């Protein structure tokens, strides 16, 4: 996967009306998040003092994104 491309307003508008596109957008976001977490995990501990906190936040976000992807029927996800 290449560089993360920000989601545009047009993308959001399309995602509201196109479930397949919304699923694709969410999956791309999850992939980008997991890749960033992998890079952060591989970084030297002294290079990033807040790395452990960022990894925890990333894991929580990844779980939420995965739940949203799985619940394509619009059911609410659990909150943390």
Protein backbone atom coordinates (compact mmCIF):
# COMPACT_ATOMS: atom_id res chain seq x y z
CA UNK A 1 0.00 0.00 0.00
CA UNK A 2 1.29 3.45 -0.88
CA UNK A 3 0.95 6.82 0.75
CA UNK A 4 -2.29 7.49 2.59
CA UNK A 5 -4.61 9.71 0.59
CA UNK A 6 -6.98 11.84 2.65
CA UNK A 7 -10.70 11.23 2.25
CA UNK A 8 -12.39 14.02 0.34
CA UNK A 9 -15.85 15.49 0.83
CA UNK A 10 -16.86 13.84 -2.45
CA UNK A 11 -15.68 10.47 -1.10
CA UNK A 12 -17.77 10.95 2.05
CA UNK A 13 -20.83 11.93 0.04
CA UNK A 14 -20.45 8.87 -2.18
CA UNK A 15 -19.89 6.60 0.82
CA UNK A 16 -23.22 7.73 2.31
CA UNK A 17 -25.07 6.39 -0.72
CA UNK A 18 -22.87 3.52 -1.92
CA UNK A 19 -22.38 0.72 0.63
CA UNK A 20 -19.72 -1.04 -1.46
CA UNK A 21 -17.68 2.15 -1.76
CA UNK A 22 -18.10 2.82 1.97
CA UNK A 23 -16.81 -0.70 2.70
CA UNK A 24 -13.82 -0.13 0.40
CA UNK A 25 -13.05 3.23 2.01
CA UNK A 26 -13.18 1.74 5.50
CA UNK A 27 -10.98 -1.18 4.48
CA UNK A 28 -8.40 1.19 2.96
CA UNK A 29 -8.39 3.24 6.15
CA UNK A 30 -7.89 0.13 8.25
CA UNK A 31 -5.02 -1.02 6.02
CA UNK A 32 -3.34 2.39 6.30
CA UNK A 33 -3.76 2.38 10.09
CA UNK A 34 -2.29 -1.12 10.42
CA UNK A 35 0.66 -0.19 8.23
CA UNK A 36 1.35 2.90 10.35
CA UNK A 37 1.16 0.83 13.51
CA UNK A 38 3.59 -1.70 12.05
CA UNK A 39 6.07 1.09 11.25
CA UNK A 40 5.66 2.59 14.71
CA UNK A 41 6.20 -0.80 16.34
CA UNK A 42 9.42 -1.28 14.38
CA UNK A 43 10.81 2.15 15.28
CA UNK A 44 13.54 2.43 17.90
CA UNK A 45 12.06 3.03 21.38
CA UNK A 46 14.18 6.16 21.89
CA UNK A 47 12.98 7.61 18.58
CA UNK A 48 9.37 7.85 19.75
CA UNK A 49 8.70 8.29 23.46
CA UNK A 50 4.91 8.23 23.00
CA UNK A 51 4.96 5.15 20.79
CA UNK A 52 3.33 2.79 23.29
CA UNK A 53 0.42 5.18 23.84
CA UNK A 54 0.02 5.70 20.11
CA UNK A 55 0.01 1.95 19.52
CA UNK A 56 -2.72 1.47 22.15
CA UNK A 57 -4.81 4.20 20.51
CA UNK A 58 -4.18 2.65 17.11
CA UNK A 59 -5.33 -0.76 18.33
CA UNK A 60 -8.52 0.73 19.74
CA UNK A 61 -9.20 2.54 16.49
CA UNK A 62 -8.42 -0.58 14.43
CA UNK A 63 -10.93 -2.59 16.48
CA UNK A 64 -13.59 0.08 15.99
CA UNK A 65 -12.95 0.20 12.24
CA UNK A 66 -13.12 -3.59 12.01
CA UNK A 67 -16.44 -3.58 13.87
CA UNK A 68 -17.83 -0.93 11.51
CA UNK A 69 -16.73 -2.99 8.51
CA UNK A 70 -18.33 -6.14 9.94
CA UNK A 71 -21.58 -4.37 10.85
CA UNK A 72 -22.35 -3.16 7.36
CA UNK A 73 -26.05 -3.40 8.21
CA UNK A 74 -25.80 -0.20 10.23
CA UNK A 75 -25.92 -1.75 13.68
CA UNK A 76 -24.18 0.34 16.34
CA UNK A 77 -20.74 -0.71 17.52
CA UNK A 78 -19.75 -1.04 21.14
CA UNK A 79 -18.13 2.00 22.73
CA UNK A 80 -14.90 2.01 24.69
